[in-house]
Amino acid sequence: MKKILLIIIVAALSIYEAVQEQGVSTAQPLGNRKTVPQASDLQAAYANRRSDLQIQGVGIVKKVLRDDLKGSKHQKFILQVGGQTVLVAHNIDLAPRIAGLRAGDRVEFYGEYEWNDRGGVIHWTHRDPQGRHASGWLKHHGKTYQ
């Protein structure tokens, strides 16, 4: 019986690690907004054209873009997450910029997903100074940016 339980635990951990390697771990609705039925990943949110989801995942930087300096300043880059790309718009007025970010780097994220026909956008990768929104973050080379 103990061997079977151990095998089940090892299998569950292997599946969890495989999902992490694919780049997505959770998707949660914000407040009373609509949920993604049975969906817990970025690909399902994109396929179902859903927005306003807190999503955690990991991806590889495909391209670093110029900062958006209009209004609130944002560091922008494209992440390859599994078979999909997503734009990350990281508010550098509210959180530190990721210094030395390059194509090929691994970045973990937790932020709000907004659908668009190019794969979507992850934003709110920082703390909300007013405390009304879920705090997001980015992780790069062992450092957390929020």
N, C-alpha and C. Protein backbone atom coordinates (compact mmCIF):
# COMPACT_ATOMS: atom_id res chain seq x y z
N MET A 1 0.82 -1.19 0.00
CA MET A 1 0.00 0.00 0.00
C MET A 1 0.87 1.26 0.00
N LYS A 2 1.95 1.26 0.79
CA LYS A 2 2.83 2.41 0.85
C LYS A 2 3.52 2.63 -0.49
N LYS A 3 3.85 1.53 -1.20
CA LYS A 3 4.50 1.66 -2.51
C LYS A 3 3.55 2.32 -3.52
N ILE A 4 2.29 1.94 -3.49
CA ILE A 4 1.30 2.51 -4.40
C ILE A 4 1.13 4.00 -4.12
N LEU A 5 1.04 4.36 -2.85
CA LEU A 5 0.91 5.76 -2.47
C LEU A 5 2.14 6.56 -2.92
N LEU A 6 3.31 6.00 -2.76
CA LEU A 6 4.54 6.66 -3.18
C LEU A 6 4.55 6.85 -4.70
N ILE A 7 4.12 5.84 -5.44
CA ILE A 7 4.07 5.93 -6.90
C ILE A 7 3.09 7.03 -7.33
N ILE A 8 1.95 7.11 -6.67
CA ILE A 8 0.97 8.14 -6.99
C ILE A 8 1.54 9.53 -6.73
N ILE A 9 2.21 9.70 -5.62
CA ILE A 9 2.81 11.00 -5.29
C ILE A 9 3.87 11.38 -6.30
N VAL A 10 4.73 10.44 -6.66
CA VAL A 10 5.78 10.72 -7.64
C VAL A 10 5.17 11.07 -9.00
N ALA A 11 4.13 10.35 -9.40
CA ALA A 11 3.47 10.63 -10.67
C ALA A 11 2.83 12.02 -10.65
N ALA A 12 2.18 12.38 -9.54
CA ALA A 12 1.55 13.70 -9.44
C ALA A 12 2.60 14.81 -9.51
N LEU A 13 3.72 14.62 -8.84
CA LEU A 13 4.80 15.62 -8.90
C LEU A 13 5.37 15.72 -10.31
N SER A 14 5.50 14.61 -11.00
CA SER A 14 6.00 14.63 -12.37
C SER A 14 5.06 15.41 -13.29
N ILE A 15 3.77 15.18 -13.14
CA ILE A 15 2.79 15.90 -13.94
C ILE A 15 2.84 17.39 -13.63
N TYR A 16 2.93 17.74 -12.34
CA TYR A 16 3.02 19.14 -11.94
C TYR A 16 4.25 19.79 -12.57
N GLU A 17 5.40 19.14 -12.52
CA GLU A 17 6.62 19.69 -13.10
C GLU A 17 6.49 19.84 -14.62
N ALA A 18 5.83 18.89 -15.28
CA ALA A 18 5.64 18.98 -16.73
C ALA A 18 4.78 20.18 -17.08
N VAL A 19 3.74 20.44 -16.29
CA VAL A 19 2.89 21.60 -16.53
C VAL A 19 3.70 22.87 -16.33
N GLN A 20 4.52 22.92 -15.29
CA GLN A 20 5.37 24.08 -15.05
C GLN A 20 6.30 24.33 -16.23
N GLU A 21 6.87 23.27 -16.78
CA GLU A 21 7.78 23.40 -17.92
C GLU A 21 7.05 23.91 -19.15
N GLN A 22 5.76 23.60 -19.28
CA GLN A 22 4.97 24.08 -20.41
C GLN A 22 4.73 25.57 -20.30
N GLY A 23 4.86 26.12 -19.09
CA GLY A 23 4.80 27.56 -18.96
C GLY A 23 3.60 28.12 -18.24
N VAL A 24 2.67 27.30 -17.77
CA VAL A 24 1.49 27.84 -17.15
C VAL A 24 1.12 27.01 -15.94
N SER A 25 0.72 27.68 -14.87
CA SER A 25 0.33 26.92 -13.71
C SER A 25 -1.08 27.23 -13.23
N THR A 26 -1.50 28.48 -13.22
CA THR A 26 -2.84 28.78 -12.73
C THR A 26 -3.48 29.94 -13.46
N ALA A 27 -4.80 29.92 -13.48
CA ALA A 27 -5.56 31.07 -13.98
C ALA A 27 -6.71 31.27 -13.01
N GLN A 28 -6.85 32.48 -12.48
CA GLN A 28 -7.90 32.74 -11.52
C GLN A 28 -8.66 33.98 -11.94
N PRO A 29 -9.98 33.96 -11.82
CA PRO A 29 -10.75 35.15 -12.16
C PRO A 29 -10.55 36.24 -11.13
N LEU A 30 -10.72 37.47 -11.55
CA LEU A 30 -10.63 38.61 -10.65
C LEU A 30 -12.03 38.96 -10.17
N GLY A 31 -12.20 39.06 -8.89
CA GLY A 31 -13.47 39.49 -8.31
C GLY A 31 -14.65 38.71 -8.84
N ASN A 32 -15.68 39.44 -9.24
CA ASN A 32 -16.90 38.82 -9.74
C ASN A 32 -16.92 38.69 -11.25
N ARG A 33 -15.78 38.84 -11.89
CA ARG A 33 -15.74 38.77 -13.35
C ARG A 33 -15.91 37.33 -13.81
N LYS A 34 -16.21 37.16 -15.08
CA LYS A 34 -16.46 35.83 -15.64
C LYS A 34 -15.21 34.96 -15.54
N THR A 35 -15.43 33.67 -15.33
CA THR A 35 -14.32 32.74 -15.24
C THR A 35 -14.14 32.01 -16.56
N VAL A 36 -13.00 31.36 -16.69
CA VAL A 36 -12.76 30.51 -17.84
C VAL A 36 -13.17 29.10 -17.42
N PRO A 37 -14.24 28.55 -17.97
CA PRO A 37 -14.73 27.24 -17.54
C PRO A 37 -13.66 26.16 -17.72
N GLN A 38 -13.33 25.48 -16.63
CA GLN A 38 -12.41 24.36 -16.66
C GLN A 38 -11.02 24.74 -17.20
N ALA A 39 -10.72 26.01 -17.32
CA ALA A 39 -9.44 26.42 -17.91
C ALA A 39 -8.51 26.88 -16.82
N SER A 40 -7.28 26.38 -16.88
CA SER A 40 -6.31 26.82 -15.89
C SER A 40 -5.02 27.22 -16.58
N ASP A 41 -5.11 27.60 -17.82
CA ASP A 41 -3.87 27.99 -18.50
C ASP A 41 -4.08 29.10 -19.52
N LEU A 42 -2.99 29.66 -19.92
CA LEU A 42 -2.98 30.78 -20.85
C LEU A 42 -3.58 30.41 -22.20
N GLN A 43 -3.26 29.22 -22.71
CA GLN A 43 -3.77 28.80 -24.01
C GLN A 43 -5.30 28.74 -24.02
N ALA A 44 -5.89 28.26 -22.94
CA ALA A 44 -7.35 28.20 -22.86
C ALA A 44 -7.95 29.60 -22.79
N ALA A 45 -7.32 30.49 -22.04
CA ALA A 45 -7.81 31.87 -21.96
C ALA A 45 -7.77 32.52 -23.34
N TYR A 46 -6.69 32.28 -24.07
CA TYR A 46 -6.58 32.84 -25.42
C TYR A 46 -7.63 32.23 -26.35
N ALA A 47 -7.75 30.92 -26.34
CA ALA A 47 -8.69 30.22 -27.22
C ALA A 47 -10.13 30.66 -26.96
N ASN A 48 -10.44 30.96 -25.71
CA ASN A 48 -11.80 31.35 -25.33
C ASN A 48 -12.00 32.86 -25.29
N ARG A 49 -10.98 33.61 -25.72
CA ARG A 49 -11.05 35.07 -25.77
C ARG A 49 -11.45 35.67 -24.42
N ARG A 50 -10.84 35.17 -23.36
CA ARG A 50 -11.16 35.62 -22.01
C ARG A 50 -10.12 36.60 -21.52
N SER A 51 -10.56 37.51 -20.69
CA SER A 51 -9.68 38.53 -20.10
C SER A 51 -9.94 38.61 -18.61
N ASP A 52 -9.20 39.50 -17.96
CA ASP A 52 -9.36 39.76 -16.53
C ASP A 52 -9.08 38.52 -15.68
N LEU A 53 -8.05 37.78 -16.06
CA LEU A 53 -7.66 36.59 -15.31
C LEU A 53 -6.28 36.78 -14.72
N GLN A 54 -6.12 36.42 -13.44
CA GLN A 54 -4.80 36.39 -12.84
C GLN A 54 -4.16 35.08 -13.28
N ILE A 55 -3.05 35.18 -13.98
CA ILE A 55 -2.39 33.98 -14.51
C ILE A 55 -0.94 33.96 -14.05
N GLN A 56 -0.51 32.79 -13.64
CA GLN A 56 0.88 32.57 -13.25
C GLN A 56 1.49 31.60 -14.24
N GLY A 57 2.71 31.88 -14.67
CA GLY A 57 3.36 30.98 -15.61
C GLY A 57 4.82 31.31 -15.77
N VAL A 58 5.40 30.71 -16.77
CA VAL A 58 6.82 30.93 -17.08
C VAL A 58 6.99 30.86 -18.58
N GLY A 59 7.89 31.67 -19.09
CA GLY A 59 8.13 31.68 -20.52
C GLY A 59 9.56 32.10 -20.83
N ILE A 60 9.88 32.04 -22.10
CA ILE A 60 11.20 32.44 -22.59
C ILE A 60 11.04 33.74 -23.38
N VAL A 61 11.90 34.70 -23.08
CA VAL A 61 11.83 35.99 -23.77
C VAL A 61 12.16 35.77 -25.24
N LYS A 62 11.21 36.11 -26.08
CA LYS A 62 11.41 36.00 -27.52
C LYS A 62 12.00 37.30 -28.07
N LYS A 63 11.51 38.44 -27.55
CA LYS A 63 12.00 39.72 -28.03
C LYS A 63 11.79 40.78 -26.95
N VAL A 64 12.80 41.61 -26.75
CA VAL A 64 12.69 42.76 -25.85
C VAL A 64 12.32 43.96 -26.71
N LEU A 65 11.24 44.64 -26.34
CA LEU A 65 10.75 45.80 -27.09
C LEU A 65 11.17 47.09 -26.41
N ARG A 66 11.01 48.19 -27.12
CA ARG A 66 11.26 49.50 -26.53
C ARG A 66 10.28 49.75 -25.40
N ASP A 67 10.73 50.48 -24.39
CA ASP A 67 9.83 50.88 -23.32
C ASP A 67 8.73 51.77 -23.88
N ASP A 68 7.54 51.63 -23.32
CA ASP A 68 6.43 52.53 -23.63
C ASP A 68 6.53 53.68 -22.63
N LEU A 69 6.81 54.86 -23.12
CA LEU A 69 7.03 56.02 -22.25
C LEU A 69 5.85 56.99 -22.22
N LYS A 70 4.75 56.61 -22.88
CA LYS A 70 3.55 57.46 -22.87
C LYS A 70 2.71 57.12 -21.64
N GLY A 71 2.34 58.14 -20.88
CA GLY A 71 1.57 57.89 -19.66
C GLY A 71 2.45 57.15 -18.66
N SER A 72 1.88 56.12 -18.02
CA SER A 72 2.69 55.29 -17.12
C SER A 72 3.73 54.55 -17.95
N LYS A 73 4.96 54.54 -17.49
CA LYS A 73 6.04 53.89 -18.24
C LYS A 73 5.99 52.37 -18.06
N HIS A 74 6.18 51.64 -19.16
CA HIS A 74 6.15 50.18 -19.13
C HIS A 74 7.35 49.58 -19.87
N GLN A 75 7.98 48.61 -19.23
CA GLN A 75 8.98 47.79 -19.90
C GLN A 75 8.18 46.71 -20.64
N LYS A 76 8.48 46.52 -21.92
CA LYS A 76 7.68 45.58 -22.72
C LYS A 76 8.57 44.52 -23.35
N PHE A 77 8.07 43.29 -23.36
CA PHE A 77 8.76 42.20 -24.03
C PHE A 77 7.77 41.10 -24.37
N ILE A 78 8.17 40.30 -25.34
CA ILE A 78 7.34 39.18 -25.80
C ILE A 78 7.88 37.91 -25.15
N LEU A 79 6.97 37.15 -24.53
CA LEU A 79 7.33 35.86 -23.94
C LEU A 79 6.74 34.73 -24.77
N GLN A 80 7.52 33.70 -24.97
CA GLN A 80 7.03 32.46 -25.56
C GLN A 80 6.62 31.57 -24.40
N VAL A 81 5.34 31.28 -24.31
CA VAL A 81 4.79 30.47 -23.23
C VAL A 81 4.15 29.25 -23.88
N GLY A 82 4.83 28.12 -23.79
CA GLY A 82 4.35 26.94 -24.50
C GLY A 82 4.34 27.23 -25.99
N GLY A 83 3.22 26.99 -26.66
CA GLY A 83 3.11 27.23 -28.10
C GLY A 83 2.58 28.60 -28.45
N GLN A 84 2.55 29.51 -27.52
CA GLN A 84 1.93 30.81 -27.73
C GLN A 84 2.86 31.93 -27.27
N THR A 85 2.66 33.12 -27.84
CA THR A 85 3.39 34.29 -27.36
C THR A 85 2.42 35.22 -26.66
N VAL A 86 2.97 35.99 -25.74
CA VAL A 86 2.18 36.97 -24.99
C VAL A 86 3.07 38.19 -24.74
N LEU A 87 2.47 39.37 -24.83
CA LEU A 87 3.18 40.61 -24.52
C LEU A 87 3.13 40.83 -23.02
N VAL A 88 4.27 41.14 -22.42
CA VAL A 88 4.31 41.53 -21.02
C VAL A 88 4.52 43.04 -20.97
N ALA A 89 3.64 43.75 -20.27
CA ALA A 89 3.75 45.20 -20.09
C ALA A 89 3.92 45.44 -18.60
N HIS A 90 5.17 45.64 -18.18
CA HIS A 90 5.56 45.76 -16.77
C HIS A 90 5.72 47.23 -16.40
N ASN A 91 4.87 47.72 -15.51
CA ASN A 91 4.84 49.14 -15.14
C ASN A 91 6.10 49.49 -14.34
N ILE A 92 6.99 50.27 -14.97
CA ILE A 92 8.25 50.63 -14.31
C ILE A 92 8.15 51.96 -13.56
N ASP A 93 6.95 52.54 -13.51
CA ASP A 93 6.71 53.65 -12.59
C ASP A 93 6.41 53.10 -11.20
N LEU A 94 5.87 51.88 -11.14
CA LEU A 94 5.47 51.28 -9.87
C LEU A 94 6.37 50.14 -9.41
N ALA A 95 7.19 49.61 -10.29
CA ALA A 95 8.06 48.48 -9.96
C ALA A 95 9.39 48.65 -10.68
N PRO A 96 10.45 48.05 -10.15
CA PRO A 96 11.74 48.18 -10.84
C PRO A 96 11.74 47.47 -12.18
N ARG A 97 12.47 48.02 -13.13
CA ARG A 97 12.62 47.37 -14.43
C ARG A 97 13.54 46.16 -14.27
N ILE A 98 13.40 45.20 -15.15
CA ILE A 98 14.30 44.04 -15.17
C ILE A 98 15.55 44.47 -15.94
N ALA A 99 16.63 44.64 -15.22
CA ALA A 99 17.89 45.07 -15.85
C ALA A 99 18.51 43.90 -16.61
N GLY A 100 19.05 44.18 -17.77
CA GLY A 100 19.78 43.16 -18.54
C GLY A 100 18.91 42.08 -19.16
N LEU A 101 17.64 42.34 -19.32
CA LEU A 101 16.73 41.36 -19.92
C LEU A 101 17.11 41.14 -21.38
N ARG A 102 17.22 39.86 -21.78
CA ARG A 102 17.63 39.53 -23.15
C ARG A 102 16.77 38.41 -23.71
N ALA A 103 16.71 38.36 -25.04
CA ALA A 103 16.04 37.23 -25.70
C ALA A 103 16.70 35.94 -25.23
N GLY A 104 15.87 34.94 -24.97
CA GLY A 104 16.36 33.65 -24.49
C GLY A 104 16.30 33.51 -22.98
N ASP A 105 16.11 34.62 -22.26
CA ASP A 105 16.01 34.55 -20.80
C ASP A 105 14.69 33.93 -20.38
N ARG A 106 14.71 33.25 -19.25
CA ARG A 106 13.52 32.66 -18.65
C ARG A 106 12.92 33.67 -17.68
N VAL A 107 11.60 33.91 -17.78
CA VAL A 107 10.92 34.84 -16.89
C VAL A 107 9.65 34.16 -16.36
N GLU A 108 9.51 34.16 -15.05
CA GLU A 108 8.27 33.71 -14.42
C GLU A 108 7.40 34.94 -14.24
N PHE A 109 6.09 34.74 -14.26
CA PHE A 109 5.18 35.89 -14.14
C PHE A 109 3.93 35.53 -13.36
N TYR A 110 3.35 36.56 -12.77
CA TYR A 110 2.02 36.49 -12.18
C TYR A 110 1.40 37.85 -12.42
N GLY A 111 0.36 37.88 -13.22
CA GLY A 111 -0.27 39.14 -13.56
C GLY A 111 -1.63 38.93 -14.19
N GLU A 112 -2.23 40.01 -14.61
CA GLU A 112 -3.56 39.96 -15.21
C GLU A 112 -3.44 39.76 -16.72
N TYR A 113 -4.17 38.77 -17.23
CA TYR A 113 -4.18 38.48 -18.66
C TYR A 113 -5.34 39.21 -19.32
N GLU A 114 -5.03 39.87 -20.43
CA GLU A 114 -6.04 40.51 -21.27
C GLU A 114 -5.91 39.93 -22.68
N TRP A 115 -7.01 39.44 -23.22
CA TRP A 115 -7.00 38.82 -24.55
C TRP A 115 -6.82 39.86 -25.63
N ASN A 116 -6.07 39.49 -26.67
CA ASN A 116 -6.09 40.18 -27.96
C ASN A 116 -5.71 39.15 -29.02
N ASP A 117 -5.88 39.50 -30.30
CA ASP A 117 -5.68 38.51 -31.36
C ASP A 117 -4.22 38.16 -31.61
N ARG A 118 -3.29 38.80 -30.90
CA ARG A 118 -1.87 38.49 -31.05
C ARG A 118 -1.35 37.57 -29.95
N GLY A 119 -2.21 37.12 -29.06
CA GLY A 119 -1.80 36.23 -27.98
C GLY A 119 -2.13 36.76 -26.61
N GLY A 120 -2.37 38.06 -26.53
CA GLY A 120 -2.76 38.65 -25.26
C GLY A 120 -1.65 39.45 -24.61
N VAL A 121 -2.02 40.05 -23.49
CA VAL A 121 -1.10 40.90 -22.72
C VAL A 121 -1.17 40.47 -21.26
N ILE A 122 -0.01 40.42 -20.63
CA ILE A 122 0.08 40.25 -19.18
C ILE A 122 0.50 41.61 -18.61
N HIS A 123 -0.30 42.14 -17.70
CA HIS A 123 0.05 43.39 -17.03
C HIS A 123 -0.30 43.25 -15.55
N TRP A 124 -0.25 44.31 -14.80
CA TRP A 124 -0.40 44.27 -13.34
C TRP A 124 0.64 43.32 -12.74
N THR A 125 1.87 43.43 -13.20
CA THR A 125 2.98 42.63 -12.69
C THR A 125 3.71 43.40 -11.59
N HIS A 126 2.94 44.03 -10.73
CA HIS A 126 3.46 44.87 -9.66
C HIS A 126 2.43 44.92 -8.55
N ARG A 127 2.80 45.54 -7.45
CA ARG A 127 1.84 45.75 -6.36
C ARG A 127 0.92 46.91 -6.72
N ASP A 128 -0.31 46.84 -6.23
CA ASP A 128 -1.24 47.95 -6.40
C ASP A 128 -1.04 48.89 -5.21
N PRO A 129 -0.58 50.12 -5.46
CA PRO A 129 -0.34 51.04 -4.34
C PRO A 129 -1.61 51.34 -3.55
N GLN A 130 -2.77 51.17 -4.16
CA GLN A 130 -4.03 51.44 -3.47
C GLN A 130 -4.62 50.17 -2.85
N GLY A 131 -4.00 49.03 -3.10
CA GLY A 131 -4.43 47.78 -2.47
C GLY A 131 -5.76 47.24 -2.95
N ARG A 132 -6.19 47.62 -4.14
CA ARG A 132 -7.49 47.15 -4.66
C ARG A 132 -7.37 46.03 -5.68
N HIS A 133 -6.17 45.77 -6.15
CA HIS A 133 -5.95 44.77 -7.20
C HIS A 133 -4.95 43.73 -6.68
N ALA A 134 -5.08 42.51 -7.17
CA ALA A 134 -4.12 41.47 -6.80
C ALA A 134 -2.71 41.91 -7.18
N SER A 135 -1.77 41.69 -6.30
CA SER A 135 -0.38 42.05 -6.59
C SER A 135 0.24 41.02 -7.53
N GLY A 136 0.88 41.52 -8.58
CA GLY A 136 1.59 40.65 -9.51
C GLY A 136 3.08 40.75 -9.32
N TRP A 137 3.83 40.00 -10.12
CA TRP A 137 5.29 40.01 -10.05
C TRP A 137 5.90 39.38 -11.28
N LEU A 138 7.18 39.64 -11.46
CA LEU A 138 8.01 38.97 -12.45
C LEU A 138 9.22 38.42 -11.72
N LYS A 139 9.74 37.28 -12.17
CA LYS A 139 10.97 36.72 -11.60
C LYS A 139 11.94 36.45 -12.73
N HIS A 140 13.17 36.94 -12.54
CA HIS A 140 14.21 36.82 -13.54
C HIS A 140 15.54 36.60 -12.84
N HIS A 141 16.24 35.54 -13.19
CA HIS A 141 17.54 35.23 -12.57
C HIS A 141 17.47 35.27 -11.04
N GLY A 142 16.42 34.70 -10.47
CA GLY A 142 16.31 34.59 -9.03
C GLY A 142 15.85 35.85 -8.30
N LYS A 143 15.58 36.92 -9.02
CA LYS A 143 15.14 38.16 -8.38
C LYS A 143 13.67 38.42 -8.73
N THR A 144 12.91 38.86 -7.74
CA THR A 144 11.50 39.18 -7.95
C THR A 144 11.34 40.69 -8.13
N TYR A 145 10.57 41.04 -9.16
CA TYR A 145 10.29 42.45 -9.49
C TYR A 145 8.80 42.67 -9.27
N GLN A 146 8.45 43.58 -8.36
CA GLN A 146 7.05 43.92 -8.14
C GLN A 146 6.93 45.30 -7.55
